[in-house]
Amino acid sequence: LVFSIKQTGVPLGGVIAGAIIAPLVVFVGWQGAAAALAGACVVLVAGLQPLRQRLDVERPATARPTLRQLFGPLRMVMAMPELRRLSLISVAFSAIQVCLSTYLIIFLIDRTGSGLIAAGLVLTATQLAGVGGRVLWGSVADYTRRPRLLLAGLGFTMALGAVALTLVDSGWPQWGLLAVVVIFGGTAIGWNGVFLAEIARLAEPGKAGEITGGTAVFTFAGPLLGPAVFSAILLFSQSYTLAFCTMGLFAAIAGAMLVRDAAREHHGLTVRGAAG
């Protein structure tokens, strides 16, 4: 739950983007909206700079990290099969998350004829579902103690959400559209905290920070690869259905891998319990 609450900042940023950036584009153009975002980043830098010394308290005063040290976390992840598989799974999950956030507005404009502001508000609802999902799934994982099985369920639900979104058209009622994006967003955006907590649990004592940093190499590959694959499919097929369903297929495959891992873990615990 702690990891999940910590991760709510990302979808909360999406909420702000959906609620504010789309109207800014309408009223001041995309250049003005981009300038406003740049200004917000400058304000953030100015606000954080006085805190830097306190935040960097563990940073060596003079020593600079070597290349070996920089790649050390990645080597640790690759050396552990469980961490390696979870890292690969995070590529699929982060890819579908970013594709949903990136393409939802233009999809709604093209498919349903929504205006930019109305589509932005739907994005806000999607991101809000992600905020609630992160807290909810963190609580469920703590209660059930089966985080990988939970992540598997989220993967399959993401896949269903991707398929359901492709059925949306201008004839759909607003409540139907909101139901789809809330379920889709609550899973495709809500998985991250449970994943990071499971990574930290598998790490050796004192190595959680390095291990989560190593897995981030894979997790952030998803936002690089996902939109590239999605846009390529859209360019050559002119089909949002094929693009979203492809992302959903990746999520479903990741879910199947997690089911297998969860079954193996449960079997191992059962055997150890019987031996004890």
Protein backbone atom coordinates (compact mmCIF):
# COMPACT_ATOMS: atom_id res chain seq x y z
CA LEU A 1 0.00 0.00 0.00
CA VAL A 2 2.87 2.38 0.81
CA PHE A 3 4.46 1.80 -2.59
CA SER A 4 1.08 2.30 -4.28
CA ILE A 5 0.33 5.57 -2.48
CA LYS A 6 3.83 6.80 -3.36
CA GLN A 7 3.12 6.06 -7.04
CA THR A 8 -0.13 8.06 -7.19
CA GLY A 9 1.81 11.17 -8.20
CA VAL A 10 2.13 9.98 -11.81
CA PRO A 11 -1.60 9.55 -12.56
CA LEU A 12 -2.37 12.70 -10.55
CA GLY A 13 -0.17 14.50 -13.07
CA GLY A 14 -2.30 12.89 -15.77
CA VAL A 15 -5.43 14.20 -14.06
CA ILE A 16 -4.03 17.73 -14.19
CA ALA A 17 -3.02 17.26 -17.83
CA GLY A 18 -6.48 16.08 -18.84
CA ALA A 19 -8.24 18.85 -16.93
CA ILE A 20 -5.95 21.80 -17.75
CA ILE A 21 -3.77 21.13 -20.80
CA ALA A 22 -6.61 20.38 -23.22
CA PRO A 23 -8.44 23.67 -22.42
CA LEU A 24 -5.10 25.52 -22.66
CA VAL A 25 -4.58 24.13 -26.16
CA VAL A 26 -8.04 25.36 -27.13
CA PHE A 27 -7.58 28.87 -25.73
CA VAL A 28 -3.88 29.62 -26.23
CA GLY A 29 -2.77 27.01 -28.78
CA TRP A 30 -0.41 24.09 -28.34
CA GLN A 31 2.58 26.41 -28.24
CA GLY A 32 1.09 28.29 -25.28
CA ALA A 33 0.25 25.03 -23.50
CA ALA A 34 3.81 23.77 -24.02
CA ALA A 35 5.18 27.07 -22.69
CA ALA A 36 2.98 26.74 -19.60
CA LEU A 37 4.34 23.23 -18.98
CA ALA A 38 7.91 24.49 -19.39
CA GLY A 39 7.21 27.27 -16.91
CA ALA A 40 5.84 24.77 -14.40
CA CYS A 41 9.05 22.73 -14.74
CA VAL A 42 11.17 25.82 -14.07
CA VAL A 43 9.12 26.60 -10.95
CA LEU A 44 9.61 23.00 -9.80
CA VAL A 45 13.39 23.23 -10.27
CA ALA A 46 13.50 26.45 -8.28
CA GLY A 47 11.43 24.91 -5.50
CA LEU A 48 13.52 21.74 -5.24
CA GLN A 49 16.97 23.35 -5.44
CA PRO A 50 17.03 24.49 -1.77
CA LEU A 51 16.23 20.90 -0.73
CA ARG A 52 18.95 19.29 -2.84
CA GLN A 53 21.58 18.95 -0.12
CA ARG A 54 19.13 17.23 2.20
CA LEU A 55 17.83 14.93 -0.55
CA ASP A 56 21.37 14.03 -1.65
CA VAL A 57 22.60 13.27 1.86
CA GLU A 58 23.72 9.72 0.92
CA ARG A 59 25.56 10.86 -2.20
CA PRO A 60 29.37 10.70 -1.88
CA ALA A 61 30.88 14.17 -1.77
CA THR A 62 33.58 13.57 -4.38
CA ALA A 63 33.44 10.06 -5.82
CA ARG A 64 31.76 9.69 -9.20
CA PRO A 65 30.10 6.37 -10.11
CA THR A 66 31.97 4.14 -12.53
CA LEU A 67 30.31 2.45 -15.50
CA ARG A 68 30.49 -0.83 -13.60
CA GLN A 69 28.57 0.71 -10.71
CA LEU A 70 26.02 2.26 -13.05
CA PHE A 71 25.25 -1.10 -14.68
CA GLY A 72 25.46 -3.04 -11.41
CA PRO A 73 21.70 -2.92 -10.67
CA LEU A 74 20.91 -4.16 -14.17
CA ARG A 75 23.31 -7.08 -13.75
CA MET A 76 21.66 -8.00 -10.43
CA VAL A 77 18.23 -8.05 -12.08
CA MET A 78 19.42 -10.18 -14.98
CA ALA A 79 21.03 -12.67 -12.57
CA MET A 80 17.70 -13.51 -10.87
CA PRO A 81 15.12 -15.32 -13.05
CA GLU A 82 12.13 -14.04 -11.05
CA LEU A 83 13.27 -10.44 -11.29
CA ARG A 84 14.12 -10.88 -14.96
CA ARG A 85 10.60 -12.15 -15.78
CA LEU A 86 8.90 -9.45 -13.73
CA SER A 87 11.00 -6.82 -15.48
CA LEU A 88 9.95 -8.11 -18.91
CA ILE A 89 6.32 -8.14 -17.78
CA SER A 90 6.62 -4.49 -16.75
CA VAL A 91 7.56 -3.62 -20.35
CA ALA A 92 4.14 -4.81 -21.54
CA PHE A 93 2.25 -3.16 -18.67
CA SER A 94 4.01 0.20 -18.98
CA ALA A 95 3.56 0.12 -22.78
CA ILE A 96 -0.21 -0.26 -22.57
CA GLN A 97 -0.37 2.34 -19.79
CA VAL A 98 1.42 4.97 -21.85
CA CYS A 99 -0.49 4.11 -25.04
CA LEU A 100 -3.79 4.60 -23.20
CA SER A 101 -2.69 7.98 -21.83
CA THR A 102 -1.11 9.09 -25.11
CA TYR A 103 -3.74 8.08 -27.64
CA LEU A 104 -7.03 8.23 -25.73
CA ILE A 105 -7.84 11.86 -26.57
CA ILE A 106 -7.10 11.61 -30.29
CA PHE A 107 -8.92 8.24 -30.40
CA LEU A 108 -12.05 9.79 -28.89
CA ILE A 109 -11.90 12.75 -31.26
CA ASP A 110 -11.52 10.49 -34.30
CA ARG A 111 -13.88 7.69 -33.25
CA THR A 112 -16.67 9.53 -31.39
CA GLY A 113 -16.35 13.11 -32.63
CA SER A 114 -15.70 14.41 -29.11
CA GLY A 115 -14.34 17.91 -28.69
CA LEU A 116 -10.86 18.40 -27.29
CA ILE A 117 -12.05 19.58 -23.87
CA ALA A 118 -14.61 16.73 -23.53
CA ALA A 119 -11.97 14.18 -24.50
CA GLY A 120 -9.57 15.74 -22.01
CA LEU A 121 -12.13 15.27 -19.24
CA VAL A 122 -12.44 11.60 -20.17
CA LEU A 123 -8.67 11.34 -19.85
CA THR A 124 -8.99 12.95 -16.41
CA ALA A 125 -11.51 10.26 -15.39
CA THR A 126 -9.13 7.58 -16.70
CA GLN A 127 -6.23 8.95 -14.66
CA LEU A 128 -8.39 9.35 -11.55
CA ALA A 129 -9.30 5.68 -11.90
CA GLY A 130 -5.56 4.99 -12.01
CA VAL A 131 -5.04 6.91 -8.75
CA GLY A 132 -7.82 4.96 -7.04
CA GLY A 133 -6.64 1.72 -8.62
CA ARG A 134 -3.11 2.11 -7.26
CA VAL A 135 -4.37 2.53 -3.71
CA LEU A 136 -7.00 -0.22 -4.07
CA TRP A 137 -4.66 -2.80 -5.59
CA GLY A 138 -1.99 -2.03 -3.00
CA SER A 139 -4.54 -2.75 -0.26
CA VAL A 140 -5.70 -5.95 -1.98
CA ALA A 141 -2.10 -7.16 -2.39
CA ASP A 142 -1.41 -6.55 1.32
CA TYR A 143 -4.58 -8.41 2.30
CA THR A 144 -4.22 -11.42 -0.01
CA ARG A 145 -0.41 -11.72 0.02
CA ARG A 146 -0.64 -12.89 -3.60
CA PRO A 147 0.76 -9.90 -5.51
CA ARG A 148 1.73 -11.80 -8.64
CA LEU A 149 -1.69 -13.39 -8.95
CA LEU A 150 -3.21 -9.94 -8.50
CA LEU A 151 -0.90 -8.52 -11.20
CA ALA A 152 -1.99 -11.38 -13.48
CA GLY A 153 -5.63 -10.41 -13.00
CA LEU A 154 -4.77 -6.79 -13.75
CA GLY A 155 -3.00 -7.87 -16.95
CA PHE A 156 -6.02 -9.81 -18.19
CA THR A 157 -8.35 -6.93 -17.28
CA MET A 158 -6.13 -4.47 -19.17
CA ALA A 159 -6.45 -6.70 -22.22
CA LEU A 160 -10.24 -6.76 -21.89
CA GLY A 161 -10.26 -2.99 -21.40
CA ALA A 162 -8.26 -2.50 -24.59
CA VAL A 163 -10.72 -4.65 -26.55
CA ALA A 164 -13.75 -2.91 -24.99
CA LEU A 165 -12.37 0.52 -25.87
CA THR A 166 -12.20 -0.43 -29.53
CA LEU A 167 -15.98 -1.01 -29.49
CA VAL A 168 -16.67 2.61 -28.50
CA ASP A 169 -18.28 4.81 -31.14
CA SER A 170 -20.37 7.98 -31.35
CA GLY A 171 -23.54 6.06 -30.47
CA TRP A 172 -22.29 5.00 -27.05
CA PRO A 173 -23.83 6.68 -23.97
CA GLN A 174 -21.41 8.70 -21.87
CA TRP A 175 -21.81 6.40 -18.87
CA GLY A 176 -20.80 3.42 -21.02
CA LEU A 177 -17.64 5.17 -22.20
CA LEU A 178 -16.78 6.21 -18.64
CA ALA A 179 -17.28 2.65 -17.38
CA VAL A 180 -14.84 1.32 -19.97
CA VAL A 181 -12.13 3.93 -19.34
CA VAL A 182 -12.46 3.63 -15.55
CA ILE A 183 -11.92 -0.14 -15.70
CA PHE A 184 -9.17 0.21 -18.30
CA GLY A 185 -7.44 3.08 -16.47
CA GLY A 186 -7.85 1.52 -13.03
CA THR A 187 -5.83 -1.49 -14.17
CA ALA A 188 -3.50 -0.21 -16.91
CA ILE A 189 -2.47 2.72 -14.70
CA GLY A 190 -3.03 1.08 -11.30
CA TRP A 191 -0.50 -1.78 -11.41
CA ASN A 192 2.71 0.07 -10.67
CA GLY A 193 2.81 0.15 -6.87
CA VAL A 194 2.13 -3.57 -6.49
CA PHE A 195 4.85 -4.33 -9.03
CA LEU A 196 7.46 -2.17 -7.26
CA ALA A 197 6.58 -3.65 -3.88
CA GLU A 198 7.02 -7.18 -5.25
CA ILE A 199 10.38 -6.19 -6.74
CA ALA A 200 11.49 -4.78 -3.38
CA ARG A 201 10.32 -7.94 -1.60
CA LEU A 202 12.42 -10.15 -3.86
CA ALA A 203 15.53 -7.98 -3.47
CA GLU A 204 18.29 -8.89 -1.06
CA PRO A 205 18.26 -6.92 2.23
CA GLY A 206 19.65 -3.45 1.65
CA LYS A 207 19.46 -3.81 -2.15
CA ALA A 208 15.85 -2.76 -2.78
CA GLY A 209 16.80 0.66 -4.14
CA GLU A 210 19.37 -0.74 -6.56
CA ILE A 211 17.08 -3.55 -7.72
CA THR A 212 14.10 -1.28 -8.37
CA GLY A 213 16.48 1.01 -10.29
CA GLY A 214 17.62 -1.96 -12.37
CA THR A 215 14.06 -3.00 -13.20
CA ALA A 216 13.25 0.59 -14.20
CA VAL A 217 15.45 0.10 -17.27
CA PHE A 218 12.83 -2.39 -18.49
CA THR A 219 9.79 -0.52 -17.16
CA PHE A 220 10.77 2.64 -19.01
CA ALA A 221 11.42 0.68 -22.18
CA GLY A 222 7.64 0.25 -22.37
CA PRO A 223 6.96 3.98 -22.91
CA LEU A 224 9.63 3.94 -25.63
CA LEU A 225 8.46 0.83 -27.45
CA GLY A 226 4.70 0.91 -26.86
CA PRO A 227 3.82 4.20 -28.58
CA ALA A 228 6.26 3.39 -31.40
CA VAL A 229 4.55 0.05 -32.07
CA PHE A 230 1.08 1.58 -31.65
CA SER A 231 1.77 4.44 -34.05
CA ALA A 232 3.37 2.12 -36.61
CA ILE A 233 0.29 -0.13 -36.56
CA LEU A 234 -1.97 2.91 -36.83
CA LEU A 235 0.07 4.34 -39.69
CA PHE A 236 0.02 1.19 -41.81
CA SER A 237 -3.42 -0.21 -40.93
CA GLN A 238 -5.39 2.95 -40.07
CA SER A 239 -6.99 0.81 -37.35
CA TYR A 240 -7.21 1.80 -33.69
CA THR A 241 -8.81 -1.59 -33.10
CA LEU A 242 -5.72 -3.46 -34.27
CA ALA A 243 -3.38 -1.11 -32.37
CA PHE A 244 -5.22 -1.32 -29.03
CA CYS A 245 -5.80 -5.07 -29.37
CA THR A 246 -2.08 -5.60 -30.01
CA MET A 247 -1.26 -3.79 -26.77
CA GLY A 248 -3.94 -5.83 -25.04
CA LEU A 249 -2.41 -9.05 -26.37
CA PHE A 250 0.95 -8.11 -24.83
CA ALA A 251 -0.76 -7.47 -21.50
CA ALA A 252 -2.58 -10.82 -21.68
CA ILE A 253 0.68 -12.67 -22.40
CA ALA A 254 2.24 -10.93 -19.40
CA GLY A 255 -0.76 -11.98 -17.31
CA ALA A 256 -0.30 -15.61 -18.36
CA MET A 257 3.38 -15.45 -17.35
CA LEU A 258 2.37 -14.09 -13.96
CA VAL A 259 -0.18 -16.87 -13.42
CA ARG A 260 2.58 -19.41 -14.05
CA ASP A 261 4.92 -17.62 -11.64
CA ALA A 262 2.22 -17.35 -8.98
CA ALA A 263 1.45 -21.06 -9.29
CA ARG A 264 5.14 -21.94 -8.94
CA GLU A 265 5.51 -19.69 -5.90
CA HIS A 266 2.39 -21.14 -4.26
CA HIS A 267 3.61 -24.69 -4.94
CA GLY A 268 6.98 -23.86 -3.42
CA LEU A 269 5.39 -22.43 -0.28
CA THR A 270 3.14 -25.47 0.03
CA VAL A 271 6.08 -27.86 -0.26
CA ARG A 272 8.12 -25.92 2.29
CA GLY A 273 5.14 -25.80 4.65
CA ALA A 274 4.62 -29.55 4.39
CA ALA A 275 8.32 -30.19 5.00
CA GLY A 276 8.21 -27.94 8.07
